[in-house]
Protein backbone atom coordinates (compact mmCIF):
# COMPACT_ATOMS: atom_id res chain seq x y z
CA MET A 1 -62.73 105.94 -10.80
CA ARG A 2 -63.71 102.32 -10.24
CA ILE A 3 -64.80 101.38 -6.72
CA ALA A 4 -63.66 97.99 -5.43
CA ARG A 5 -66.40 95.38 -5.23
CA ARG A 6 -65.70 94.72 -1.56
CA ALA A 7 -66.43 98.38 -0.79
CA GLU A 8 -69.67 98.21 -2.76
CA ARG A 9 -70.77 95.19 -0.71
CA ILE A 10 -70.61 97.14 2.55
CA GLU A 11 -74.04 98.50 3.39
CA PRO A 12 -74.47 101.88 5.10
CA PHE A 13 -74.38 101.78 8.89
CA TYR A 14 -78.03 102.72 9.34
CA VAL A 15 -77.58 103.39 13.05
CA MET A 16 -75.40 106.32 12.07
CA GLU A 17 -77.80 107.42 9.30
CA VAL A 18 -80.58 107.68 11.88
CA ALA A 19 -78.20 109.46 14.24
CA LYS A 20 -77.40 112.06 11.58
CA ALA A 21 -81.10 112.67 10.91
CA ALA A 22 -81.78 113.03 14.64
CA ALA A 23 -78.86 115.44 15.03
CA ARG A 24 -80.16 117.59 12.16
CA LEU A 25 -83.64 117.72 13.69
CA ALA A 26 -82.19 118.51 17.10
CA GLU A 27 -80.24 121.42 15.61
CA GLN A 28 -83.35 122.76 13.90
CA ASN A 29 -85.20 122.65 17.23
CA ARG A 30 -82.38 123.64 19.54
CA ASP A 31 -84.48 126.39 21.15
CA SER A 32 -87.38 124.03 21.74
CA ASP A 33 -88.52 123.15 25.25
CA ARG A 34 -88.36 119.51 24.14
CA PRO A 35 -84.76 118.82 23.13
CA MET A 36 -84.02 115.56 21.36
CA ILE A 37 -83.46 112.57 23.61
CA PHE A 38 -80.94 110.20 22.05
CA LEU A 39 -81.67 106.56 22.87
CA ASN A 40 -80.16 105.37 19.62
CA ILE A 41 -76.41 105.24 20.18
CA GLY A 42 -74.63 102.64 22.29
CA GLU A 43 -72.29 104.98 24.09
CA PRO A 44 -72.09 105.33 27.88
CA ASP A 45 -73.02 108.75 29.22
CA PHE A 46 -70.09 108.29 31.60
CA THR A 47 -66.62 109.29 30.45
CA ALA A 48 -63.24 108.00 31.59
CA PRO A 49 -62.90 108.30 35.39
CA PRO A 50 -60.45 110.77 36.99
CA LEU A 51 -57.43 108.46 37.35
CA VAL A 52 -57.64 107.51 33.68
CA GLN A 53 -57.82 111.13 32.56
CA GLU A 54 -54.92 112.03 34.85
CA ALA A 55 -52.84 109.17 33.44
CA ALA A 56 -53.42 110.47 29.90
CA GLU A 57 -52.42 113.99 30.88
CA ARG A 58 -49.31 112.66 32.61
CA ALA A 59 -48.29 110.67 29.52
CA LEU A 60 -48.58 113.80 27.40
CA ARG A 61 -46.60 115.92 29.84
CA GLU A 62 -43.84 113.34 30.08
CA GLY A 63 -43.66 112.81 26.32
CA ARG A 64 -44.71 109.16 26.38
CA THR A 65 -46.36 109.40 22.98
CA GLN A 66 -44.12 107.37 20.70
CA TYR A 67 -44.91 104.02 19.12
CA THR A 68 -45.42 101.02 21.35
CA PRO A 69 -44.97 97.41 20.20
CA ALA A 70 -47.66 96.38 17.72
CA THR A 71 -49.11 94.07 20.37
CA GLY A 72 -49.29 96.89 22.91
CA LEU A 73 -47.61 97.93 26.15
CA PRO A 74 -46.43 94.80 28.02
CA GLN A 75 -47.52 96.25 31.36
CA LEU A 76 -51.07 96.85 30.07
CA ARG A 77 -51.27 93.31 28.73
CA GLU A 78 -50.24 92.11 32.19
CA ARG A 79 -52.93 94.17 33.89
CA ILE A 80 -55.60 92.79 31.59
CA SER A 81 -54.34 89.29 32.40
CA HIS A 82 -54.68 90.02 36.12
CA TRP A 83 -58.20 91.41 35.55
CA TYR A 84 -59.29 88.11 33.98
CA ALA A 85 -57.93 86.28 37.00
CA SER A 86 -59.54 88.53 39.61
CA ARG A 87 -62.85 89.17 37.85
CA PHE A 88 -63.53 85.84 36.15
CA GLY A 89 -61.18 83.42 37.88
CA ILE A 90 -59.45 82.31 34.68
CA ASP A 91 -55.80 82.22 33.66
CA VAL A 92 -55.22 84.25 30.49
CA PRO A 93 -51.46 84.71 29.97
CA ALA A 94 -50.39 88.19 28.91
CA ARG A 95 -48.53 86.75 25.93
CA ARG A 96 -51.88 85.79 24.36
CA ILE A 97 -53.35 89.30 24.76
CA VAL A 98 -52.96 91.70 21.83
CA LEU A 99 -53.94 95.35 22.24
CA THR A 100 -55.70 96.88 19.25
CA ALA A 101 -57.05 100.17 17.92
CA GLY A 102 -60.49 99.44 19.33
CA ALA A 103 -62.48 96.22 19.14
CA SER A 104 -63.14 97.03 15.48
CA ALA A 105 -59.45 96.66 14.68
CA ALA A 106 -59.38 93.40 16.63
CA LEU A 107 -62.25 92.00 14.59
CA GLN A 108 -60.62 93.13 11.36
CA LEU A 109 -57.34 91.50 12.31
CA ALA A 110 -59.07 88.28 13.30
CA CYS A 111 -61.02 88.10 10.04
CA LEU A 112 -57.95 88.84 7.93
CA ALA A 113 -56.03 86.14 9.78
CA LEU A 114 -58.74 83.46 9.55
CA VAL A 115 -61.00 84.13 6.56
CA ASP A 116 -60.05 83.48 2.93
CA SER A 117 -61.97 84.56 -0.15
CA GLY A 118 -65.25 82.68 -0.34
CA ASP A 119 -65.11 81.35 3.21
CA GLU A 120 -68.32 81.39 5.22
CA VAL A 121 -68.80 82.37 8.85
CA LEU A 122 -72.01 81.57 10.76
CA MET A 123 -73.63 84.37 12.75
CA PRO A 124 -76.94 84.94 14.54
CA ASP A 125 -79.69 87.10 13.06
CA PRO A 126 -80.05 89.68 14.60
CA SER A 127 -76.47 90.73 15.31
CA TYR A 128 -74.25 93.80 15.21
CA PRO A 129 -73.97 94.84 11.53
CA CYS A 130 -70.30 95.82 11.52
CA ASN A 131 -69.31 92.30 12.55
CA ARG A 132 -70.62 90.80 9.33
CA HIS A 133 -68.96 93.57 7.33
CA PHE A 134 -65.55 92.64 8.77
CA ILE A 135 -66.07 89.21 7.25
CA SER A 136 -67.10 90.77 3.95
CA ALA A 137 -64.05 93.06 3.97
CA ALA A 138 -61.91 89.91 4.16
CA ASP A 139 -63.75 88.63 1.05
CA GLY A 140 -65.67 86.11 3.12
CA ARG A 141 -69.42 85.71 3.49
CA ALA A 142 -71.41 86.05 6.68
CA VAL A 143 -74.20 83.48 6.87
CA LEU A 144 -76.90 84.85 9.16
CA LEU A 145 -79.05 82.21 10.83
CA PRO A 146 -82.49 83.17 12.19
CA THR A 147 -82.79 83.17 15.97
CA SER A 148 -85.71 83.57 18.34
CA ALA A 149 -86.53 84.58 21.87
CA ALA A 150 -86.56 80.87 22.83
CA ASP A 151 -82.78 80.81 22.22
CA ARG A 152 -82.22 84.30 23.65
CA PHE A 153 -81.64 85.53 20.06
CA GLN A 154 -78.41 83.51 19.98
CA LEU A 155 -77.17 80.62 17.85
CA SER A 156 -77.54 77.05 19.03
CA ALA A 157 -75.16 74.13 18.55
CA ALA A 158 -77.88 72.40 16.53
CA GLN A 159 -77.93 75.30 14.06
CA VAL A 160 -74.15 75.22 13.78
CA ARG A 161 -74.16 71.52 13.00
CA GLU A 162 -77.06 71.83 10.55
CA HIS A 163 -75.67 74.78 8.59
CA TRP A 164 -71.97 73.92 8.60
CA GLY A 165 -70.99 73.47 4.96
CA PRO A 166 -67.85 72.86 2.90
CA ARG A 167 -66.96 76.57 2.91
CA THR A 168 -67.75 77.19 6.58
CA ARG A 169 -64.71 78.20 8.60
CA GLY A 170 -66.16 79.27 11.93
CA VAL A 171 -68.70 81.23 13.95
CA LEU A 172 -68.78 84.85 15.07
CA LEU A 173 -70.85 85.33 18.20
CA ALA A 174 -71.44 88.13 20.71
CA SER A 175 -72.22 87.73 24.40
CA PRO A 176 -73.79 89.97 25.62
CA SER A 177 -75.18 90.89 22.25
CA ASN A 178 -75.84 94.15 20.49
CA PRO A 179 -78.78 94.73 19.78
CA THR A 180 -80.52 92.40 22.24
CA GLY A 181 -78.46 92.71 25.41
CA THR A 182 -78.75 88.93 25.81
CA SER A 183 -75.92 86.50 26.48
CA ILE A 184 -75.30 82.92 25.43
CA HIS A 185 -75.91 80.47 28.23
CA PRO A 186 -72.55 78.93 29.24
CA ASP A 187 -73.80 75.42 28.45
CA ALA A 188 -74.99 76.53 25.01
CA LEU A 189 -71.69 78.26 24.31
CA ALA A 190 -69.76 75.16 25.33
CA ALA A 191 -71.87 73.05 22.98
CA ILE A 192 -71.33 75.51 20.10
CA HIS A 193 -67.59 75.61 20.67
CA GLU A 194 -67.39 71.83 20.80
CA ALA A 195 -69.30 71.56 17.51
CA VAL A 196 -66.97 74.10 15.90
CA ARG A 197 -63.85 72.45 17.32
CA ALA A 198 -64.94 69.06 16.01
CA ARG A 199 -65.08 70.56 12.52
CA GLY A 200 -61.69 72.23 12.73
CA GLY A 201 -63.19 75.72 12.76
CA PHE A 202 -62.75 78.84 14.87
CA THR A 203 -64.99 80.35 17.53
CA LEU A 204 -64.71 84.13 17.52
CA LEU A 205 -66.52 85.66 20.48
CA ASP A 206 -67.26 89.37 20.83
CA GLU A 207 -67.22 90.07 24.59
CA ILE A 208 -67.04 93.86 24.55
CA TYR A 209 -70.06 94.12 26.89
CA LEU A 210 -68.92 91.33 29.21
CA GLY A 211 -68.01 93.78 31.98
CA LEU A 212 -71.61 95.01 31.91
CA SER A 213 -73.21 91.68 32.83
CA TYR A 214 -75.93 91.75 35.49
CA ASP A 215 -76.53 88.03 36.02
CA GLU A 216 -73.94 85.66 37.47
CA THR A 217 -75.21 82.89 35.21
CA PHE A 218 -74.09 84.78 32.12
CA GLY A 219 -71.28 86.99 33.40
CA ARG A 220 -68.51 84.56 32.49
CA SER A 221 -65.90 84.76 29.77
CA GLY A 222 -65.92 82.14 27.03
CA LEU A 223 -62.15 81.96 27.45
CA ALA A 224 -62.77 79.44 30.21
CA LEU A 225 -63.62 76.93 27.46
CA GLY A 226 -60.03 76.61 26.29
CA ASP A 227 -57.05 78.26 24.65
CA ASP A 228 -58.48 77.83 21.15
CA LEU A 229 -61.38 80.26 21.59
CA ILE A 230 -60.72 83.84 20.38
CA SER A 231 -62.19 86.66 22.45
CA ILE A 232 -62.58 90.29 21.42
CA ASN A 233 -62.88 92.97 24.10
CA SER A 234 -62.74 96.74 24.42
CA PHE A 235 -62.13 99.66 26.73
CA SER A 236 -65.15 101.45 25.22
CA LYS A 237 -68.17 100.13 27.11
CA TYR A 238 -67.42 98.94 30.66
CA PHE A 239 -64.34 101.14 30.88
CA SER A 240 -66.11 104.23 29.40
CA MET A 241 -63.39 105.04 26.83
CA THR A 242 -65.34 105.04 23.56
CA GLY A 243 -63.42 107.74 21.68
CA TRP A 244 -60.02 106.56 22.87
CA ARG A 245 -60.20 103.69 20.38
CA LEU A 246 -58.53 100.98 22.40
CA GLY A 247 -59.43 97.32 22.57
CA TRP A 248 -57.81 93.92 22.82
CA MET A 249 -58.08 90.35 21.68
CA VAL A 250 -57.11 87.06 23.28
CA VAL A 251 -55.87 84.52 20.77
CA PRO A 252 -54.19 81.08 20.78
CA ASP A 253 -50.40 81.18 21.06
CA ALA A 254 -49.95 80.10 17.44
CA LEU A 255 -52.01 83.05 16.22
CA VAL A 256 -50.09 85.77 18.12
CA PRO A 257 -47.26 86.19 15.56
CA VAL A 258 -49.80 86.21 12.72
CA ILE A 259 -51.88 88.94 14.36
CA GLU A 260 -48.73 90.85 15.27
CA ARG A 261 -47.52 90.80 11.66
CA LEU A 262 -50.86 92.06 10.39
CA ALA A 263 -51.06 94.74 13.09
CA GLN A 264 -47.55 95.98 12.31
CA ASN A 265 -48.52 96.54 8.70
CA LEU A 266 -52.08 97.82 9.13
CA PHE A 267 -52.02 99.84 12.37
CA ILE A 268 -48.39 100.00 13.60
CA CYS A 269 -49.77 100.15 17.14
CA PRO A 270 -52.80 101.31 19.13
CA SER A 271 -52.86 104.86 20.51
CA THR A 272 -49.95 105.20 22.90
CA VAL A 273 -51.67 107.83 25.05
CA ALA A 274 -54.79 105.69 25.31
CA GLN A 275 -52.69 102.71 26.43
CA HIS A 276 -50.96 104.68 29.17
CA ALA A 277 -54.32 106.01 30.29
CA ALA A 278 -55.85 102.52 30.32
CA LEU A 279 -53.28 101.35 32.86
CA ALA A 280 -55.23 103.40 35.39
CA CYS A 281 -58.46 101.52 34.60
CA PHE A 282 -57.25 98.71 36.84
CA GLU A 283 -56.48 100.79 39.91
CA PRO A 284 -58.79 99.91 42.82
CA GLU A 285 -60.37 103.38 42.77
CA SER A 286 -61.20 103.10 39.07
CA LEU A 287 -62.54 99.56 39.36
CA ALA A 288 -64.79 100.64 42.23
CA GLU A 289 -66.14 103.45 40.06
CA TYR A 290 -66.76 101.08 37.17
CA GLU A 291 -68.71 98.77 39.44
CA ARG A 292 -70.78 101.71 40.69
CA ARG A 293 -71.57 102.57 37.09
CA ARG A 294 -72.47 98.96 36.34
CA GLY A 295 -74.99 99.18 39.15
CA GLU A 296 -76.41 102.35 37.62
CA PHE A 297 -76.78 100.70 34.21
CA ARG A 298 -78.54 97.78 35.86
CA ALA A 299 -80.92 100.13 37.68
CA ARG A 300 -81.77 101.81 34.39
CA ARG A 301 -82.52 98.44 32.80
CA ASP A 302 -84.64 97.39 35.77
CA TRP A 303 -86.76 100.53 35.46
CA PHE A 304 -86.88 101.03 31.70
CA THR A 305 -87.67 97.54 30.38
CA PRO A 306 -90.93 97.16 32.37
CA GLN A 307 -91.93 100.64 31.20
CA LEU A 308 -91.55 99.60 27.57
CA ARG A 309 -93.67 96.52 28.16
CA GLN A 310 -96.40 98.63 29.76
CA LEU A 311 -96.37 100.83 26.67
CA GLY A 312 -96.95 97.84 24.40
CA LEU A 313 -93.34 97.68 23.20
CA ASP A 314 -92.67 94.13 24.28
CA VAL A 315 -89.13 93.10 25.20
CA PRO A 316 -89.36 89.32 24.68
CA VAL A 317 -86.09 88.49 26.46
CA GLU A 318 -84.87 90.37 29.51
CA PRO A 319 -81.45 91.89 28.72
CA ASP A 320 -78.87 90.40 31.07
CA GLY A 321 -76.03 92.70 30.00
CA ALA A 322 -74.97 95.72 27.94
CA PHE A 323 -77.39 98.68 27.81
CA TYR A 324 -79.99 97.80 25.20
CA ALA A 325 -83.61 96.76 25.01
CA TRP A 326 -84.73 94.90 21.86
CA ALA A 327 -88.43 95.72 21.64
CA ASP A 328 -91.16 94.42 19.35
CA SER A 329 -92.80 97.48 17.81
CA GLN A 330 -95.29 95.71 15.55
CA ALA A 331 -98.32 96.79 17.58
CA TRP A 332 -97.25 100.43 17.40
CA CYS A 333 -96.59 100.21 13.66
CA GLU A 334 -100.07 98.81 13.09
CA LYS A 335 -101.73 101.49 15.23
CA LEU A 336 -99.89 104.26 13.41
CA GLY A 337 -100.34 102.73 9.97
CA LEU A 338 -96.61 102.32 9.40
CA PRO A 339 -95.02 99.48 7.41
CA GLY A 340 -92.21 98.82 9.87
CA SER A 341 -89.78 99.96 12.53
CA TRP A 342 -87.71 102.11 10.14
CA GLU A 343 -90.66 104.41 9.59
CA LEU A 344 -91.58 104.25 13.28
CA ALA A 345 -88.13 105.49 14.27
CA PHE A 346 -88.56 108.61 12.15
CA GLU A 347 -92.15 109.07 13.33
CA LEU A 348 -91.04 109.08 16.97
CA MET A 349 -88.11 111.32 16.13
CA HIS A 350 -90.54 113.97 14.87
CA ARG A 351 -93.53 113.41 17.18
CA ALA A 352 -91.77 112.74 20.48
CA HIS A 353 -88.25 114.05 19.84
CA VAL A 354 -86.94 110.64 20.88
CA ALA A 355 -84.28 109.01 18.70
CA ILE A 356 -84.24 105.20 18.61
CA THR A 357 -82.68 102.62 16.30
CA PRO A 358 -84.81 100.56 13.90
CA GLY A 359 -84.01 96.89 13.50
CA ARG A 360 -83.00 97.26 9.85
CA ASP A 361 -79.29 97.31 10.65
CA PHE A 362 -79.16 94.08 12.55
CA GLY A 363 -80.31 91.45 10.07
CA SER A 364 -83.33 90.35 8.07
CA HIS A 365 -85.20 87.82 10.21
CA ARG A 366 -88.20 89.82 11.47
CA THR A 367 -85.93 92.74 12.28
CA ASP A 368 -88.30 95.12 10.51
CA ARG A 369 -90.66 94.79 13.48
CA PHE A 370 -88.07 95.47 16.19
CA VAL A 371 -86.43 98.62 17.53
CA ARG A 372 -83.42 98.96 19.78
CA PHE A 373 -83.47 101.33 22.73
CA SER A 374 -80.20 102.30 24.36
CA THR A 375 -80.29 102.74 28.13
CA ALA A 376 -76.85 104.35 28.18
CA SER A 377 -78.53 107.70 28.89
CA SER A 378 -79.30 109.01 32.38
CA MET A 379 -82.34 107.92 34.34
CA THR A 380 -83.74 111.44 33.98
CA GLN A 381 -83.50 111.16 30.20
CA LEU A 382 -85.08 107.71 30.22
CA GLN A 383 -87.97 108.91 32.36
CA GLU A 384 -88.63 111.85 30.07
CA ALA A 385 -88.47 109.58 27.02
CA VAL A 386 -91.06 107.23 28.53
CA ALA A 387 -93.34 110.18 29.28
CA ARG A 388 -93.13 111.33 25.67
CA LEU A 389 -93.72 107.84 24.31
CA ARG A 390 -96.74 107.47 26.61
CA ALA A 391 -98.17 110.70 25.18
CA VAL A 392 -97.79 109.32 21.66
CA ARG A 393 -99.54 106.12 22.65
CA GLU A 394 -102.39 107.97 24.31
CA ALA A 395 -102.86 109.97 21.13
CA PHE A 396 -103.39 106.88 18.95
CA GLU A 397 -105.45 104.82 21.40
């Protein structure tokens, strides 16, 4: 059997490879007094709040499980539109909102609609690995441009102008970003979008962590820049519905029928039960709970990031959103005689029973010296993880 070349180009998702190794070790040591602490996966420890769960149960009881339109339930599109108005003060008409089978489906649809074979899309290095693979799956090529702490590990308009070539079709950005938890400054994003617009390209902006912004400077949607920017969002992170596989995208009017046609053929529609459940996300009681949780995530960041710095795992840019800390582990690797963060992740998995994510997944520009910590776990878990990491450090000092 011959495997298609596009499938061969897709690298393993190393985050999940590390997760599998950690799960195996946890199972082997399940009777240990030091169970594995998982700081490697970007999944909230909160699940869908009560009203959302009740809405799903009600949809099942009432038999509301049949196909919806490919673009999603009209009433849910309206509620998302109202959320943009109330939360961010911007007018996003419901007709431009397309519900999808998770943000992953939204990114796939966007790439299939915009990227032809051989087209290039500019992205920051580091960035979320799956995003570049969506481009590859559309037979395009992701061009990763090195970033630094000085630019918050985000692209700049100068880089876009410098690296835009004859095959470049657009940029794929994320704000806040996975793995760094840093956002693009609004002025920088405006400059990038203007540079892209001047070249007839597309700006595709992953905003799945936008609801989990902790700084008013950065907690704004790029959709305020105009109707030609494409935003990807999700019910997974802020709305705590990871396994429900429901997301959405906001696209220009001219792109709606194109996306709809693709969605009809590839997905038919997003999960009907998940859509009915998501209607309850926008009830006042649910929104109040989400804001309480946002405060909890912020408190975890405020405690955990200084702890990492005290341990010699420097976080060069304070995360302003999401639930990640992008930490420089070079000093630890040198002390332990390890070549890079990949080996460090497995060392800590065995020595401290703490699972973290090495930078290998996220690019190639100095990522071998970085690790990503997820602060989606409880404060109790984070405190225990820090205690274990401190014991490892004391052992090699």
